[in-house]
Structure formats: structure tokens, C-alpha cells
Amino acid sequence: MTPAPKAKRDSVPEKPEIYKELRENLATFCTRSVERMAEIQKRSIDIAMQQNKEAFGVWKQLAEKLPWAPQMNGLALAASTLERFAGTQKTALDAMVEQSRAFVEIMKERAAAAEKTTDSLLDFARESFDRTIDAQKKAADAALSESKSAFDKAREQFDFPGGAAVAESIQHGVDAIVEAQKELLETVTH
């Protein structure tokens, strides 16, 4: 039976500045895109207004010069209504541009806040891990001290031939286990 292939995982780049730069570039691109689209629409409105102004002028001339052409009494009212409509459209476009800028700024702030939160959590996790390792080392030292004390008392109480050698052998075994555990903890922390 062949072993299962290991999953390949790309590591996360060590430089979070890359992501910050990418976010900044994307935000700038999006903001400029909205601004450009708004500018195109405003130009289109200006061109349409110029076209309407010229058309109203032609109709006015026709009405003045040709006696049979219909009178366009509402022409001035229509022209002012279209001008107000065009102004409203331009104001709405400006508001849309400002809204998109504000949105991009909010997203930048949220990304920065999330980054700070993540860094804080990572620092907290590292500190907790280090404290846990320190506590385990202290517990191992305490166990080593207690076992030495227990073996010393056992040697005093069980005085039989070879008893001291057995107690010392067991104590060396416990010492070796505790030292191995401490070395493992050191390896894990570095």
C-alpha cells in the first residue's frame, strides 16, 4: 500500500506589506474608475444639454420665421426643466463619487483594524504558548525535585541489600525522562 500523498500548501508570505500595497492599489484603481465613469456621464449630460439648447434655438427660429410653424410656448419651460434635470444628475454623480471614496476609506480602516486585531491575537497566542511551556518546565522541575526527595526517603526506609542501587537506578530513569521532556519543550519553543 502506498502512503497517501502529502497535501501541498503554499505558505503565507511573510511580508504583510505586500497585501497592504495591493489593497491600496486596488482601492485607488476602483476610486479612479468611479471618478472616470462619473466624468464620462457628466460630459454626456453636457453634450446632450448643448444638443437640446441648439434644438430649442432652431425651433424658436422656425416659429419666428415661418408663419405656419406651430408656436412653442412651452419651449422655455422645457429648456429650464431639462437644465434642472441635468444639474440634478450631475449632483447625483458627484454624490456617487463621494460615496465610493468614503466606502473605500471605510474598507481601508476596517482592513487596518482587522490586521491589528490579528496581530494582537497572534501575540496573545504566542505569549500564552510561552507561558504554558514555562509552566510545564516548572512542573517538570517540581516533579524532579519531588522524585529526588521521595527516593531519598525510600532509601532511608527500605534499607536492604541493593535497595540503594535500585532506588538510584529508578531515580536516574525519572531524571532522564524529565530532562527529555524539558528538552522537547525547548525544541518546541525554538
Protein backbone atom coordinates (compact mmCIF):
# COMPACT_ATOMS: atom_id res chain seq x y z
CA MET A 1 0.00 0.00 0.00
CA THR A 2 1.43 3.36 -0.97
CA PRO A 3 1.32 6.20 1.50
CA ALA A 4 -1.13 8.99 0.87
CA PRO A 5 0.47 11.94 -0.90
CA LYS A 6 1.13 14.96 1.23
CA ALA A 7 -1.02 17.97 0.51
CA LYS A 8 0.96 20.84 -0.95
CA ARG A 9 0.20 24.07 0.76
CA ASP A 10 1.73 27.34 -0.21
CA SER A 11 2.94 29.21 2.78
CA VAL A 12 1.60 32.64 3.51
CA PRO A 13 4.14 35.28 2.52
CA GLU A 14 5.99 36.69 5.48
CA LYS A 15 5.56 40.30 4.33
CA PRO A 16 2.07 41.64 5.04
CA GLU A 17 3.19 44.95 3.45
CA ILE A 18 2.59 43.27 0.08
CA TYR A 19 -1.08 42.86 0.91
CA LYS A 20 -1.31 46.43 2.15
CA GLU A 21 0.21 47.72 -1.09
CA LEU A 22 -2.17 45.56 -3.15
CA ARG A 23 -5.16 46.85 -1.15
CA GLU A 24 -4.01 50.44 -1.69
CA ASN A 25 -3.55 49.91 -5.43
CA LEU A 26 -6.93 48.23 -5.76
CA ALA A 27 -8.64 50.99 -3.76
CA THR A 28 -7.00 53.67 -5.93
CA PHE A 29 -8.00 51.83 -9.10
CA CYS A 30 -11.64 51.46 -8.00
CA THR A 31 -11.90 55.09 -6.90
CA ARG A 32 -10.40 56.37 -10.16
CA SER A 33 -12.70 54.10 -12.17
CA VAL A 34 -15.79 55.54 -10.47
CA GLU A 35 -14.47 59.08 -10.94
CA ARG A 36 -13.79 58.46 -14.65
CA MET A 37 -17.22 56.94 -15.23
CA ALA A 38 -18.85 59.90 -13.48
CA GLU A 39 -16.81 62.31 -15.62
CA ILE A 40 -17.88 60.49 -18.80
CA GLN A 41 -21.52 60.69 -17.74
CA LYS A 42 -21.21 64.40 -16.88
CA ARG A 43 -19.68 65.09 -20.29
CA SER A 44 -22.52 63.17 -21.91
CA ILE A 45 -25.04 65.28 -19.99
CA ASP A 46 -23.25 68.47 -21.11
CA ILE A 47 -23.27 67.31 -24.73
CA ALA A 48 -26.97 66.39 -24.50
CA MET A 49 -27.75 69.79 -22.96
CA GLN A 50 -25.86 71.54 -25.76
CA GLN A 51 -27.81 69.48 -28.31
CA ASN A 52 -31.12 70.37 -26.64
CA LYS A 53 -30.17 74.06 -26.48
CA GLU A 54 -29.41 74.05 -30.21
CA ALA A 55 -32.64 72.16 -30.97
CA PHE A 56 -34.69 74.67 -28.95
CA GLY A 57 -32.93 77.50 -30.79
CA VAL A 58 -33.84 76.00 -34.17
CA TRP A 59 -37.48 75.52 -33.10
CA LYS A 60 -37.62 79.09 -31.85
CA GLN A 61 -36.26 80.40 -35.18
CA LEU A 62 -38.74 78.26 -37.08
CA ALA A 63 -41.62 79.60 -35.02
CA GLU A 64 -40.49 83.21 -35.59
CA LYS A 65 -39.72 82.99 -39.31
CA LEU A 66 -42.34 80.60 -40.60
CA PRO A 67 -45.90 81.74 -40.08
CA TRP A 68 -47.33 78.26 -40.46
CA ALA A 69 -44.92 76.63 -37.86
CA PRO A 70 -46.61 75.83 -34.52
CA GLN A 71 -45.87 78.17 -31.63
CA MET A 72 -43.73 76.58 -28.94
CA ASN A 73 -44.89 78.44 -25.87
CA GLY A 74 -43.62 75.76 -23.50
CA LEU A 75 -40.13 75.71 -25.05
CA ALA A 76 -38.53 77.89 -22.36
CA LEU A 77 -40.19 75.85 -19.62
CA ALA A 78 -38.95 72.59 -21.19
CA ALA A 79 -35.42 74.02 -21.51
CA SER A 80 -35.27 75.07 -17.84
CA THR A 81 -36.72 71.72 -16.74
CA LEU A 82 -34.04 69.86 -18.68
CA GLU A 83 -31.33 72.11 -17.21
CA ARG A 84 -32.55 71.37 -13.69
CA PHE A 85 -32.70 67.66 -14.51
CA ALA A 86 -29.12 67.79 -15.85
CA GLY A 87 -27.96 69.61 -12.72
CA THR A 88 -29.66 67.01 -10.54
CA GLN A 89 -27.98 64.21 -12.49
CA LYS A 90 -24.56 65.84 -12.07
CA THR A 91 -25.16 66.31 -8.34
CA ALA A 92 -26.13 62.65 -8.05
CA LEU A 93 -22.96 61.65 -9.89
CA ASP A 94 -20.85 63.80 -7.55
CA ALA A 95 -22.58 62.19 -4.57
CA MET A 96 -21.89 58.74 -6.01
CA VAL A 97 -18.19 59.59 -6.39
CA GLU A 98 -18.01 60.90 -2.82
CA GLN A 99 -19.88 57.83 -1.55
CA SER A 100 -17.45 55.48 -3.28
CA ARG A 101 -14.47 57.41 -1.85
CA ALA A 102 -15.98 57.14 1.63
CA PHE A 103 -16.64 53.44 1.11
CA VAL A 104 -13.02 52.84 0.08
CA GLU A 105 -11.77 54.74 3.14
CA ILE A 106 -14.02 52.70 5.44
CA MET A 107 -12.74 49.48 3.88
CA LYS A 108 -9.13 50.64 4.38
CA GLU A 109 -9.85 51.41 8.02
CA ARG A 110 -11.54 48.04 8.54
CA ALA A 111 -8.64 46.22 6.90
CA ALA A 112 -6.19 48.05 9.16
CA ALA A 113 -8.31 47.27 12.23
CA ALA A 114 -8.56 43.60 11.24
CA GLU A 115 -4.81 43.49 10.73
CA LYS A 116 -4.23 44.98 14.19
CA THR A 117 -6.69 42.52 15.73
CA THR A 118 -4.98 39.60 14.02
CA ASP A 119 -1.58 40.79 15.20
CA SER A 120 -2.91 41.18 18.75
CA LEU A 121 -4.41 37.69 18.71
CA LEU A 122 -1.17 36.21 17.38
CA ASP A 123 0.83 37.98 20.08
CA PHE A 124 -1.61 36.77 22.73
CA ALA A 125 -1.39 33.21 21.39
CA ARG A 126 2.43 33.34 21.39
CA GLU A 127 2.51 34.67 24.95
CA SER A 128 0.00 32.04 26.10
CA PHE A 129 2.03 29.30 24.44
CA ASP A 130 5.25 30.56 26.05
CA ARG A 131 3.56 30.73 29.48
CA THR A 132 2.24 27.19 29.03
CA ILE A 133 5.71 25.91 28.13
CA ASP A 134 7.21 27.74 31.13
CA ALA A 135 4.56 26.24 33.40
CA GLN A 136 5.30 22.75 32.06
CA LYS A 137 9.02 23.27 32.64
CA LYS A 138 8.33 24.37 36.21
CA ALA A 139 6.08 21.37 36.73
CA ALA A 140 8.85 19.09 35.39
CA ASP A 141 11.39 20.69 37.75
CA ALA A 142 8.96 20.28 40.66
CA ALA A 143 8.38 16.62 39.72
CA LEU A 144 12.13 16.09 39.55
CA SER A 145 12.61 17.67 42.99
CA GLU A 146 9.75 15.63 44.47
CA SER A 147 11.04 12.39 42.98
CA LYS A 148 14.52 13.03 44.40
CA SER A 149 13.01 13.70 47.81
CA ALA A 150 10.84 10.57 47.55
CA PHE A 151 13.80 8.38 46.52
CA ASP A 152 15.94 9.78 49.34
CA LYS A 153 13.20 8.88 51.85
CA ALA A 154 12.74 5.46 50.26
CA ARG A 155 16.49 4.75 50.61
CA GLU A 156 16.30 5.64 54.29
CA GLN A 157 13.21 3.47 54.99
CA PHE A 158 13.99 0.44 52.86
CA ASP A 159 17.47 -0.44 53.88
CA PHE A 160 18.04 -3.79 52.20
CA PRO A 161 20.97 -5.06 50.16
CA GLY A 162 20.86 -3.46 46.71
CA GLY A 163 17.96 -1.20 47.66
CA ALA A 164 20.03 1.95 47.27
CA ALA A 165 21.16 0.86 43.80
CA VAL A 166 17.55 0.14 42.73
CA ALA A 167 16.35 3.48 44.08
CA GLU A 168 19.22 5.28 42.38
CA SER A 169 18.56 3.48 39.09
CA ILE A 170 14.87 4.44 39.19
CA GLN A 171 15.80 7.99 40.11
CA HIS A 172 18.18 8.21 37.11
CA GLY A 173 15.37 6.92 34.88
CA VAL A 174 12.94 9.56 36.20
CA ASP A 175 15.62 12.25 35.86
CA ALA A 176 16.25 11.21 32.24
CA ILE A 177 12.51 11.30 31.43
CA VAL A 178 12.09 14.75 32.99
CA GLU A 179 15.19 16.10 31.21
CA ALA A 180 13.97 14.65 27.90
CA GLN A 181 10.61 16.35 28.42
CA LYS A 182 12.33 19.66 29.15
CA GLU A 183 14.50 19.29 26.01
CA LEU A 184 11.37 18.57 23.99
CA LEU A 185 9.74 21.70 25.36
CA GLU A 186 12.86 23.71 24.45
CA THR A 187 12.75 22.27 20.93
CA VAL A 188 9.09 23.19 20.54
CA THR A 189 9.69 26.79 21.59
CA HIS A 190 12.58 27.35 19.19
